[in-house]
């Protein structure tokens, strides 16, 4: 499912603070600085931890359904080493049997590896990991993040909410809010963003959330509110450069929407100067405003 490009224009890209993949190291869970509440005290030093009884009877056909899902899982390379998964993520898989944990690890690695270029295939691996480890928060979080990047908004929201229930913390709020916006629900996005735990986000995630909030306000035709949301984060020096670049782009977009073109040119130029990998459409936006890619306002000579 492709993302609506017009709905994405003011975002400068998707939230980067969520879904922190480390190449083939897999997904590092974002708890917003909080400890994992699902650690179960690490009930043993080996892989075969003592798991408690099921919370209730299994539904009819459960075993057959699980078997069919595993038979239909996407293949993983035979030489893929589960130890390539980030150690902090592997720790979260200790409640599983060793064989199952290894397969979950391999699917998580493949989800991370394929995310940028083949998000649908990445999602198939993330779903396989979730199906094998549905009670492990990092598996649900990974599935939600990959679903989000694949434009599967409803699935993303469902999985990310499950991950928050399991692990706690505010870290997933920006991507949850943006998924609601992706569904065409800006009011719901603002409701998610107003979660009391948002105050506990780290600097990067606060900037990401401001971008989402501004986009939701723009969806509602509320230009002044969009600008205020972004202005509160413009001096956020602790956010990574790539996040501040996207923040500047979103602010420039909001200024352009408000017909404050001279200021928009200035902030588009600032974003462009930070865009070393040329992922933004700054030259096009400057041209629309009558300025060249170097930031010179062509309208001033007319």
C-alpha atoms as a PDB file:
ATOM      1  CA  UNK A   1       0.000   0.000   0.000  1.00  0.00           C
ATOM      2  CA  UNK A   2       1.669   3.218  -1.084  1.00  0.00           C
ATOM      3  CA  UNK A   3       1.688   6.287   1.073  1.00  0.00           C
ATOM      4  CA  UNK A   4      -0.324   9.254  -0.148  1.00  0.00           C
ATOM      5  CA  UNK A   5       2.346  11.630  -1.432  1.00  0.00           C
ATOM      6  CA  UNK A   6       0.303  14.780  -0.927  1.00  0.00           C
ATOM      7  CA  UNK A   7      -0.412  13.774   2.660  1.00  0.00           C
ATOM      8  CA  UNK A   8       3.318  13.270   3.208  1.00  0.00           C
ATOM      9  CA  UNK A   9       4.620  16.472   1.675  1.00  0.00           C
ATOM     10  CA  UNK A  10       4.936  18.466   4.857  1.00  0.00           C
ATOM     11  CA  UNK A  11       6.495  15.627   6.807  1.00  0.00           C
ATOM     12  CA  UNK A  12       9.936  15.721   5.255  1.00  0.00           C
ATOM     13  CA  UNK A  13       9.759  11.940   5.429  1.00  0.00           C
ATOM     14  CA  UNK A  14       8.453   9.583   8.072  1.00  0.00           C
ATOM     15  CA  UNK A  15       9.364   9.640  11.753  1.00  0.00           C
ATOM     16  CA  UNK A  16      12.919   8.386  12.072  1.00  0.00           C
ATOM     17  CA  UNK A  17      13.054   7.970  15.827  1.00  0.00           C
ATOM     18  CA  UNK A  18      10.866   4.869  15.624  1.00  0.00           C
ATOM     19  CA  UNK A  19      11.910   1.706  13.922  1.00  0.00           C
ATOM     20  CA  UNK A  20      15.606   1.995  14.651  1.00  0.00           C
ATOM     21  CA  UNK A  21      16.989  -0.773  12.485  1.00  0.00           C
ATOM     22  CA  UNK A  22      20.708  -1.532  12.564  1.00  0.00           C
ATOM     23  CA  UNK A  23      21.347  -2.887   9.099  1.00  0.00           C
ATOM     24  CA  UNK A  24      21.388  -6.660   9.698  1.00  0.00           C
ATOM     25  CA  UNK A  25      21.417  -6.137  13.453  1.00  0.00           C
ATOM     26  CA  UNK A  26      17.656  -6.021  13.583  1.00  0.00           C
ATOM     27  CA  UNK A  27      15.266  -3.715  15.322  1.00  0.00           C
ATOM     28  CA  UNK A  28      16.161  -1.902  18.527  1.00  0.00           C
ATOM     29  CA  UNK A  29      12.995  -1.314  20.554  1.00  0.00           C
ATOM     30  CA  UNK A  30      12.096   2.273  21.378  1.00  0.00           C
ATOM     31  CA  UNK A  31      10.894   2.582  24.949  1.00  0.00           C
ATOM     32  CA  UNK A  32      11.433   6.325  25.172  1.00  0.00           C
ATOM     33  CA  UNK A  33      14.119   5.776  27.809  1.00  0.00           C
ATOM     34  CA  UNK A  34      12.050   3.482  30.022  1.00  0.00           C
ATOM     35  CA  UNK A  35      13.087  -0.007  31.077  1.00  0.00           C
ATOM     36  CA  UNK A  36      11.370  -2.931  29.425  1.00  0.00           C
ATOM     37  CA  UNK A  37       8.433  -4.027  31.565  1.00  0.00           C
ATOM     38  CA  UNK A  38       8.247  -7.373  29.818  1.00  0.00           C
ATOM     39  CA  UNK A  39      11.605  -8.758  30.927  1.00  0.00           C
ATOM     40  CA  UNK A  40      10.032 -11.282  33.345  1.00  0.00           C
ATOM     41  CA  UNK A  41      13.154 -10.922  35.522  1.00  0.00           C
ATOM     42  CA  UNK A  42      15.009 -13.145  33.027  1.00  0.00           C
ATOM     43  CA  UNK A  43      13.885 -16.335  34.714  1.00  0.00           C
ATOM     44  CA  UNK A  44      16.988 -18.334  33.934  1.00  0.00           C
ATOM     45  CA  UNK A  45      20.352 -18.112  32.277  1.00  0.00           C
ATOM     46  CA  UNK A  46      19.676 -20.441  29.366  1.00  0.00           C
ATOM     47  CA  UNK A  47      17.323 -20.303  26.376  1.00  0.00           C
ATOM     48  CA  UNK A  48      14.878 -22.829  27.812  1.00  0.00           C
ATOM     49  CA  UNK A  49      13.240 -20.524  30.353  1.00  0.00           C
ATOM     50  CA  UNK A  50      10.396 -21.821  32.467  1.00  0.00           C
ATOM     51  CA  UNK A  51       7.244 -20.469  30.928  1.00  0.00           C
ATOM     52  CA  UNK A  52       4.047 -20.273  32.914  1.00  0.00           C
ATOM     53  CA  UNK A  53       0.795 -21.998  31.956  1.00  0.00           C
ATOM     54  CA  UNK A  54      -1.444 -20.651  29.237  1.00  0.00           C
ATOM     55  CA  UNK A  55      -3.852 -17.985  30.434  1.00  0.00           C
ATOM     56  CA  UNK A  56      -6.764 -19.991  29.052  1.00  0.00           C
ATOM     57  CA  UNK A  57      -7.761 -22.803  26.729  1.00  0.00           C
ATOM     58  CA  UNK A  58      -6.588 -22.592  23.135  1.00  0.00           C
ATOM     59  CA  UNK A  59      -9.298 -22.007  20.572  1.00  0.00           C
ATOM     60  CA  UNK A  60     -10.310 -24.792  18.213  1.00  0.00           C
ATOM     61  CA  UNK A  61      -7.957 -25.121  15.266  1.00  0.00           C
ATOM     62  CA  UNK A  62      -5.202 -23.078  16.919  1.00  0.00           C
ATOM     63  CA  UNK A  63      -2.468 -25.669  16.388  1.00  0.00           C
ATOM     64  CA  UNK A  64      -3.445 -26.220  12.760  1.00  0.00           C
ATOM     65  CA  UNK A  65      -3.518 -22.487  12.125  1.00  0.00           C
ATOM     66  CA  UNK A  66      -0.084 -22.041  13.669  1.00  0.00           C
ATOM     67  CA  UNK A  67       1.326 -24.929  11.635  1.00  0.00           C
ATOM     68  CA  UNK A  68      -0.090 -23.507   8.402  1.00  0.00           C
ATOM     69  CA  UNK A  69       1.400 -20.104   9.131  1.00  0.00           C
ATOM     70  CA  UNK A  70       4.824 -21.605   9.681  1.00  0.00           C
ATOM     71  CA  UNK A  71       4.584 -23.638   6.485  1.00  0.00           C
ATOM     72  CA  UNK A  72       3.815 -20.420   4.598  1.00  0.00           C
ATOM     73  CA  UNK A  73       6.544 -18.319   6.175  1.00  0.00           C
ATOM     74  CA  UNK A  74       8.959 -16.519   3.841  1.00  0.00           C
ATOM     75  CA  UNK A  75      12.260 -18.324   3.477  1.00  0.00           C
ATOM     76  CA  UNK A  76      15.393 -17.094   5.197  1.00  0.00           C
ATOM     77  CA  UNK A  77      18.933 -17.654   3.876  1.00  0.00           C
ATOM     78  CA  UNK A  78      20.371 -20.917   5.157  1.00  0.00           C
ATOM     79  CA  UNK A  79      23.623 -19.229   6.131  1.00  0.00           C
ATOM     80  CA  UNK A  80      21.923 -16.460   8.121  1.00  0.00           C
ATOM     81  CA  UNK A  81      23.277 -16.425  11.673  1.00  0.00           C
ATOM     82  CA  UNK A  82      20.688 -15.443  14.313  1.00  0.00           C
ATOM     83  CA  UNK A  83      23.539 -14.009  16.374  1.00  0.00           C
ATOM     84  CA  UNK A  84      23.686 -11.146  13.882  1.00  0.00           C
ATOM     85  CA  UNK A  85      20.620  -9.783  15.653  1.00  0.00           C
ATOM     86  CA  UNK A  86      21.433  -6.975  18.051  1.00  0.00           C
ATOM     87  CA  UNK A  87      22.189  -8.479  21.501  1.00  0.00           C
ATOM     88  CA  UNK A  88      19.651  -6.250  23.243  1.00  0.00           C
ATOM     89  CA  UNK A  89      16.938  -7.619  20.959  1.00  0.00           C
ATOM     90  CA  UNK A  90      18.064 -11.231  21.425  1.00  0.00           C
ATOM     91  CA  UNK A  91      17.688 -10.727  25.161  1.00  0.00           C
ATOM     92  CA  UNK A  92      13.975 -10.114  24.636  1.00  0.00           C
ATOM     93  CA  UNK A  93      13.604 -13.494  22.931  1.00  0.00           C
ATOM     94  CA  UNK A  94      14.794 -15.520  25.912  1.00  0.00           C
ATOM     95  CA  UNK A  95      11.261 -16.526  26.860  1.00  0.00           C
ATOM     96  CA  UNK A  96      11.132 -18.626  23.662  1.00  0.00           C
ATOM     97  CA  UNK A  97      12.634 -22.035  23.003  1.00  0.00           C
ATOM     98  CA  UNK A  98      16.073 -21.801  21.412  1.00  0.00           C
ATOM     99  CA  UNK A  99      14.936 -23.102  18.020  1.00  0.00           C
ATOM    100  CA  UNK A 100      11.984 -20.732  17.913  1.00  0.00           C
ATOM    101  CA  UNK A 101      14.070 -17.803  19.146  1.00  0.00           C
ATOM    102  CA  UNK A 102      16.611 -18.435  16.397  1.00  0.00           C
ATOM    103  CA  UNK A 103      13.904 -18.396  13.720  1.00  0.00           C
ATOM    104  CA  UNK A 104      12.351 -15.242  15.153  1.00  0.00           C
ATOM    105  CA  UNK A 105      15.788 -13.636  15.158  1.00  0.00           C
ATOM    106  CA  UNK A 106      16.314 -14.555  11.514  1.00  0.00           C
ATOM    107  CA  UNK A 107      12.956 -13.090  10.504  1.00  0.00           C
ATOM    108  CA  UNK A 108      13.735  -9.891  12.423  1.00  0.00           C
ATOM    109  CA  UNK A 109      17.084  -9.626  10.651  1.00  0.00           C
ATOM    110  CA  UNK A 110      15.424 -10.078   7.272  1.00  0.00           C
ATOM    111  CA  UNK A 111      12.774  -7.487   8.127  1.00  0.00           C
ATOM    112  CA  UNK A 112      15.520  -4.992   8.913  1.00  0.00           C
ATOM    113  CA  UNK A 113      17.537  -5.884   5.821  1.00  0.00           C
ATOM    114  CA  UNK A 114      14.627  -5.574   3.380  1.00  0.00           C
ATOM    115  CA  UNK A 115      12.809  -2.614   4.921  1.00  0.00           C
ATOM    116  CA  UNK A 116      14.171   0.199   2.760  1.00  0.00           C
ATOM    117  CA  UNK A 117      14.057  -1.495  -0.638  1.00  0.00           C
ATOM    118  CA  UNK A 118      11.337  -4.148  -0.317  1.00  0.00           C
ATOM    119  CA  UNK A 119       8.976  -3.159   2.510  1.00  0.00           C
ATOM    120  CA  UNK A 120       6.302  -5.705   1.570  1.00  0.00           C
ATOM    121  CA  UNK A 121       8.795  -8.570   1.825  1.00  0.00           C
ATOM    122  CA  UNK A 122      10.099  -7.064   5.047  1.00  0.00           C
ATOM    123  CA  UNK A 123       6.546  -7.072   6.372  1.00  0.00           C
ATOM    124  CA  UNK A 124       6.139 -10.766   5.544  1.00  0.00           C
ATOM    125  CA  UNK A 125       9.171 -11.521   7.720  1.00  0.00           C
ATOM    126  CA  UNK A 126       7.967  -9.209  10.490  1.00  0.00           C
ATOM    127  CA  UNK A 127       4.591 -10.956  10.484  1.00  0.00           C
ATOM    128  CA  UNK A 128       6.303 -14.338  10.681  1.00  0.00           C
ATOM    129  CA  UNK A 129       8.301 -13.158  13.695  1.00  0.00           C
ATOM    130  CA  UNK A 130       5.113 -11.831  15.316  1.00  0.00           C
ATOM    131  CA  UNK A 131       3.252 -15.087  14.689  1.00  0.00           C
ATOM    132  CA  UNK A 132       6.056 -17.029  16.384  1.00  0.00           C
ATOM    133  CA  UNK A 133       6.522 -14.583  19.259  1.00  0.00           C
ATOM    134  CA  UNK A 134       3.215 -12.827  19.746  1.00  0.00           C
ATOM    135  CA  UNK A 135       3.813 -12.339  23.466  1.00  0.00           C
ATOM    136  CA  UNK A 136       7.216 -10.712  22.981  1.00  0.00           C
ATOM    137  CA  UNK A 137       6.953  -6.938  22.768  1.00  0.00           C
ATOM    138  CA  UNK A 138       9.839  -6.435  20.347  1.00  0.00           C
ATOM    139  CA  UNK A 139       8.190  -8.772  17.823  1.00  0.00           C
ATOM    140  CA  UNK A 140       4.938  -6.788  17.978  1.00  0.00           C
ATOM    141  CA  UNK A 141       6.819  -3.495  17.824  1.00  0.00           C
ATOM    142  CA  UNK A 142       8.844  -4.604  14.823  1.00  0.00           C
ATOM    143  CA  UNK A 143       5.733  -5.789  13.003  1.00  0.00           C
ATOM    144  CA  UNK A 144       4.063  -2.461  13.718  1.00  0.00           C
ATOM    145  CA  UNK A 145       7.009  -0.390  12.539  1.00  0.00           C
ATOM    146  CA  UNK A 146       7.431  -2.390   9.332  1.00  0.00           C
ATOM    147  CA  UNK A 147       3.677  -2.265   8.661  1.00  0.00           C
ATOM    148  CA  UNK A 148       3.877   1.505   9.107  1.00  0.00           C
ATOM    149  CA  UNK A 149       6.701   1.802   6.586  1.00  0.00           C
ATOM    150  CA  UNK A 150       4.716  -0.385   4.189  1.00  0.00           C
ATOM    151  CA  UNK A 151       1.721   1.937   4.501  1.00  0.00           C
ATOM    152  CA  UNK A 152      -0.417  -0.652   6.307  1.00  0.00           C
ATOM    153  CA  UNK A 153      -1.768   1.855   8.785  1.00  0.00           C
ATOM    154  CA  UNK A 154      -4.408  -0.247  10.571  1.00  0.00           C
ATOM    155  CA  UNK A 155      -2.019  -3.126  11.136  1.00  0.00           C
ATOM    156  CA  UNK A 156       0.658  -0.724  12.321  1.00  0.00           C
ATOM    157  CA  UNK A 157      -1.673   0.840  14.871  1.00  0.00           C
ATOM    158  CA  UNK A 158      -2.853  -2.537  16.166  1.00  0.00           C
ATOM    159  CA  UNK A 159       0.669  -3.920  16.589  1.00  0.00           C
ATOM    160  CA  UNK A 160       2.154  -0.762  18.072  1.00  0.00           C
ATOM    161  CA  UNK A 161      -0.648  -0.489  20.598  1.00  0.00           C
ATOM    162  CA  UNK A 162      -0.007  -4.100  21.593  1.00  0.00           C
ATOM    163  CA  UNK A 163       3.701  -3.348  21.978  1.00  0.00           C
ATOM    164  CA  UNK A 164       2.937  -0.364  24.207  1.00  0.00           C
ATOM    165  CA  UNK A 165       0.662  -2.460  26.410  1.00  0.00           C
ATOM    166  CA  UNK A 166       3.437  -5.013  26.832  1.00  0.00           C
ATOM    167  CA  UNK A 167       6.459  -2.767  27.246  1.00  0.00           C
ATOM    168  CA  UNK A 168       5.146   0.636  28.279  1.00  0.00           C
ATOM    169  CA  UNK A 169       6.912   3.897  27.619  1.00  0.00           C
ATOM    170  CA  UNK A 170       6.097   6.797  25.283  1.00  0.00           C
ATOM    171  CA  UNK A 171       8.542   5.963  22.497  1.00  0.00           C
ATOM    172  CA  UNK A 172       5.973   4.844  19.922  1.00  0.00           C
ATOM    173  CA  UNK A 173       3.694   7.885  20.135  1.00  0.00           C
ATOM    174  CA  UNK A 174       5.048   9.716  17.046  1.00  0.00           C
ATOM    175  CA  UNK A 175       4.616   6.755  14.724  1.00  0.00           C
ATOM    176  CA  UNK A 176       1.226   5.866  16.217  1.00  0.00           C
ATOM    177  CA  UNK A 177       0.016   9.425  15.672  1.00  0.00           C
ATOM    178  CA  UNK A 178       1.348   9.485  12.125  1.00  0.00           C
ATOM    179  CA  UNK A 179      -0.343   6.181  11.326  1.00  0.00           C
ATOM    180  CA  UNK A 180      -3.650   7.721  12.411  1.00  0.00           C
ATOM    181  CA  UNK A 181      -2.918  10.618  10.107  1.00  0.00           C
ATOM    182  CA  UNK A 182      -2.164   8.119   7.352  1.00  0.00           C
ATOM    183  CA  UNK A 183      -5.679   6.740   7.840  1.00  0.00           C
ATOM    184  CA  UNK A 184      -7.054  10.233   7.247  1.00  0.00           C
ATOM    185  CA  UNK A 185      -7.799  10.821  10.940  1.00  0.00           C
ATOM    186  CA  UNK A 186      -5.934  14.011  11.914  1.00  0.00           C
ATOM    187  CA  UNK A 187      -8.143  14.538  14.980  1.00  0.00           C
ATOM    188  CA  UNK A 188      -7.202  11.072  16.246  1.00  0.00           C
ATOM    189  CA  UNK A 189      -3.540  11.820  15.506  1.00  0.00           C
ATOM    190  CA  UNK A 190      -3.743  14.899  17.737  1.00  0.00           C
ATOM    191  CA  UNK A 191      -5.455  12.856  20.441  1.00  0.00           C
ATOM    192  CA  UNK A 192      -2.609  10.332  20.389  1.00  0.00           C
ATOM    193  CA  UNK A 193      -0.042  13.130  20.467  1.00  0.00           C
ATOM    194  CA  UNK A 194      -1.670  14.591  23.590  1.00  0.00           C
ATOM    195  CA  UNK A 195      -0.936  11.437  25.579  1.00  0.00           C
ATOM    196  CA  UNK A 196       0.447  12.503  28.999  1.00  0.00           C
ATOM    197  CA  UNK A 197       3.522  10.342  28.406  1.00  0.00           C
ATOM    198  CA  UNK A 198       4.559  12.553  25.489  1.00  0.00           C
ATOM    199  CA  UNK A 199       6.372  14.781  27.996  1.00  0.00           C
ATOM    200  CA  UNK A 200       8.732  11.863  28.678  1.00  0.00           C
ATOM    201  CA  UNK A 201       9.872  11.479  25.060  1.00  0.00           C
ATOM    202  CA  UNK A 202      13.533  12.002  24.253  1.00  0.00           C
ATOM    203  CA  UNK A 203      14.654  15.028  22.230  1.00  0.00           C
ATOM    204  CA  UNK A 204      14.538  13.220  18.891  1.00  0.00           C
ATOM    205  CA  UNK A 205      11.052  11.838  19.431  1.00  0.00           C
ATOM    206  CA  UNK A 206       9.722  15.201  20.629  1.00  0.00           C
ATOM    207  CA  UNK A 207      10.832  16.739  17.345  1.00  0.00           C
ATOM    208  CA  UNK A 208       9.300  13.856  15.406  1.00  0.00           C
ATOM    209  CA  UNK A 209       6.013  14.249  17.250  1.00  0.00           C
ATOM    210  CA  UNK A 210       5.970  17.983  16.517  1.00  0.00           C
ATOM    211  CA  UNK A 211       6.273  17.223  12.795  1.00  0.00           C
ATOM    212  CA  UNK A 212       3.330  14.832  12.982  1.00  0.00           C
ATOM    213  CA  UNK A 213       1.240  17.259  15.042  1.00  0.00           C
ATOM    214  CA  UNK A 214       1.938  20.060  12.575  1.00  0.00           C
ATOM    215  CA  UNK A 215       0.936  17.829   9.681  1.00  0.00           C
ATOM    216  CA  UNK A 216      -2.324  16.935  11.412  1.00  0.00           C
ATOM    217  CA  UNK A 217      -3.102  20.604  11.995  1.00  0.00           C
ATOM    218  CA  UNK A 218      -2.381  21.335   8.337  1.00  0.00           C
ATOM    219  CA  UNK A 219      -4.735  18.527   7.339  1.00  0.00           C
ATOM    220  CA  UNK A 220      -7.395  20.377   9.335  1.00  0.00           C
ATOM    221  CA  UNK A 221      -6.542  23.733   7.748  1.00  0.00           C
ATOM    222  CA  UNK A 222      -5.044  25.052  10.993  1.00  0.00           C
ATOM    223  CA  UNK A 223      -1.903  26.800   9.748  1.00  0.00           C
ATOM    224  CA  UNK A 224      -1.248  28.844  12.887  1.00  0.00           C
ATOM    225  CA  UNK A 225      -1.426  25.779  15.129  1.00  0.00           C
ATOM    226  CA  UNK A 226       0.911  23.895  12.785  1.00  0.00           C
ATOM    227  CA  UNK A 227       3.487  26.670  12.994  1.00  0.00           C
ATOM    228  CA  UNK A 228       3.265  26.841  16.785  1.00  0.00           C
ATOM    229  CA  UNK A 229       3.811  23.090  17.122  1.00  0.00           C
ATOM    230  CA  UNK A 230       7.005  23.283  15.066  1.00  0.00           C
ATOM    231  CA  UNK A 231       8.324  26.524  16.550  1.00  0.00           C
ATOM    232  CA  UNK A 232       8.401  24.866  19.970  1.00  0.00           C
ATOM    233  CA  UNK A 233      11.071  22.468  18.636  1.00  0.00           C
ATOM    234  CA  UNK A 234      13.151  24.681  16.343  1.00  0.00           C
ATOM    235  CA  UNK A 235      15.775  25.184  19.066  1.00  0.00           C
ATOM    236  CA  UNK A 236      15.935  21.473  19.909  1.00  0.00           C
ATOM    237  CA  UNK A 237      19.712  21.136  19.630  1.00  0.00           C
ATOM    238  CA  UNK A 238      19.704  17.621  21.086  1.00  0.00           C
ATOM    239  CA  UNK A 239      17.800  16.125  18.151  1.00  0.00           C
ATOM    240  CA  UNK A 240      19.939  14.428  15.467  1.00  0.00           C
ATOM    241  CA  UNK A 241      20.809  16.456  12.380  1.00  0.00           C
ATOM    242  CA  UNK A 242      18.535  14.394  10.130  1.00  0.00           C
ATOM    243  CA  UNK A 243      15.598  15.055  12.444  1.00  0.00           C
ATOM    244  CA  UNK A 244      16.329  18.784  12.627  1.00  0.00           C
ATOM    245  CA  UNK A 245      16.587  18.819   8.815  1.00  0.00           C
ATOM    246  CA  UNK A 246      13.109  17.341   8.555  1.00  0.00           C
ATOM    247  CA  UNK A 247      11.846  19.741  11.220  1.00  0.00           C
ATOM    248  CA  UNK A 248      13.127  22.708   9.194  1.00  0.00           C
ATOM    249  CA  UNK A 249      11.521  21.306   6.054  1.00  0.00           C
ATOM    250  CA  UNK A 250       8.180  20.832   7.803  1.00  0.00           C
ATOM    251  CA  UNK A 251       8.373  24.373   9.188  1.00  0.00           C
ATOM    252  CA  UNK A 252       9.141  25.757   5.735  1.00  0.00           C
ATOM    253  CA  UNK A 253       6.191  23.840   4.326  1.00  0.00           C
ATOM    254  CA  UNK A 254       3.894  25.258   7.003  1.00  0.00           C
ATOM    255  CA  UNK A 255       5.182  28.777   6.288  1.00  0.00           C
ATOM    256  CA  UNK A 256       4.529  28.307   2.579  1.00  0.00           C
ATOM    257  CA  UNK A 257       1.003  27.122   3.335  1.00  0.00           C
ATOM    258  CA  UNK A 258       0.502  30.281   5.406  1.00  0.00           C
ATOM    259  CA  UNK A 259       1.735  32.374   2.412  1.00  0.00           C
ATOM    260  CA  UNK A 260       4.797  33.556   4.341  1.00  0.00           C
ATOM    261  CA  UNK A 261       6.971  32.881   1.324  1.00  0.00           C
ATOM    262  CA  UNK A 262      10.135  34.795   2.227  1.00  0.00           C
ATOM    263  CA  UNK A 263      10.392  32.936   5.525  1.00  0.00           C
ATOM    264  CA  UNK A 264       9.565  29.657   3.793  1.00  0.00           C
ATOM    265  CA  UNK A 265      12.439  30.203   1.355  1.00  0.00           C
ATOM    266  CA  UNK A 266      14.808  30.785   4.271  1.00  0.00           C
ATOM    267  CA  UNK A 267      13.808  27.571   6.063  1.00  0.00           C
ATOM    268  CA  UNK A 268      13.709  25.466   2.912  1.00  0.00           C
ATOM    269  CA  UNK A 269      17.247  26.685   2.255  1.00  0.00           C
ATOM    270  CA  UNK A 270      18.347  25.709   5.760  1.00  0.00           C
ATOM    271  CA  UNK A 271      16.844  22.243   5.311  1.00  0.00           C
ATOM    272  CA  UNK A 272      18.535  21.909   1.922  1.00  0.00           C
ATOM    273  CA  UNK A 273      21.929  22.786   3.381  1.00  0.00           C
ATOM    274  CA  UNK A 274      21.578  19.875   5.813  1.00  0.00           C
ATOM    275  CA  UNK A 275      20.293  17.460   3.162  1.00  0.00           C
ATOM    276  CA  UNK A 276      23.632  15.898   2.239  1.00  0.00           C
ATOM    277  CA  UNK A 277      21.973  12.796   0.766  1.00  0.00           C
ATOM    278  CA  UNK A 278      19.428  14.801  -1.260  1.00  0.00           C
ATOM    279  CA  UNK A 279      16.359  12.995   0.042  1.00  0.00           C
ATOM    280  CA  UNK A 280      14.162  16.104   0.130  1.00  0.00           C
ATOM    281  CA  UNK A 281      12.582  17.994  -2.757  1.00  0.00           C
ATOM    282  CA  UNK A 282      13.966  21.349  -1.612  1.00  0.00           C
ATOM    283  CA  UNK A 283      14.998  22.567  -5.116  1.00  0.00           C
ATOM    284  CA  UNK A 284      11.453  22.005  -6.372  1.00  0.00           C
ATOM    285  CA  UNK A 285       9.923  23.765  -3.393  1.00  0.00           C
ATOM    286  CA  UNK A 286      12.255  26.734  -3.804  1.00  0.00           C
ATOM    287  CA  UNK A 287      11.403  26.957  -7.493  1.00  0.00           C
ATOM    288  CA  UNK A 288       7.699  27.022  -6.635  1.00  0.00           C
ATOM    289  CA  UNK A 289       8.376  30.017  -4.408  1.00  0.00           C
ATOM    290  CA  UNK A 290      10.423  31.855  -7.037  1.00  0.00           C
ATOM    291  CA  UNK A 291      13.841  31.095  -5.581  1.00  0.00           C
ATOM    292  CA  UNK A 292      16.774  29.193  -7.031  1.00  0.00           C
ATOM    293  CA  UNK A 293      18.262  26.102  -5.316  1.00  0.00           C
ATOM    294  CA  UNK A 294      20.884  28.316  -3.658  1.00  0.00           C
ATOM    295  CA  UNK A 295      18.185  30.252  -1.890  1.00  0.00           C
ATOM    296  CA  UNK A 296      18.232  33.464  -3.928  1.00  0.00           C
ATOM    297  CA  UNK A 297      14.766  34.958  -4.307  1.00  0.00           C
ATOM    298  CA  UNK A 298      14.185  35.447  -8.030  1.00  0.00           C
ATOM    299  CA  UNK A 299      11.095  37.560  -7.411  1.00  0.00           C
ATOM    300  CA  UNK A 300      13.184  40.332  -5.857  1.00  0.00           C
ATOM    301  CA  UNK A 301      14.730  41.176  -9.240  1.00  0.00           C
ATOM    302  CA  UNK A 302      11.376  41.558 -10.946  1.00  0.00           C
END
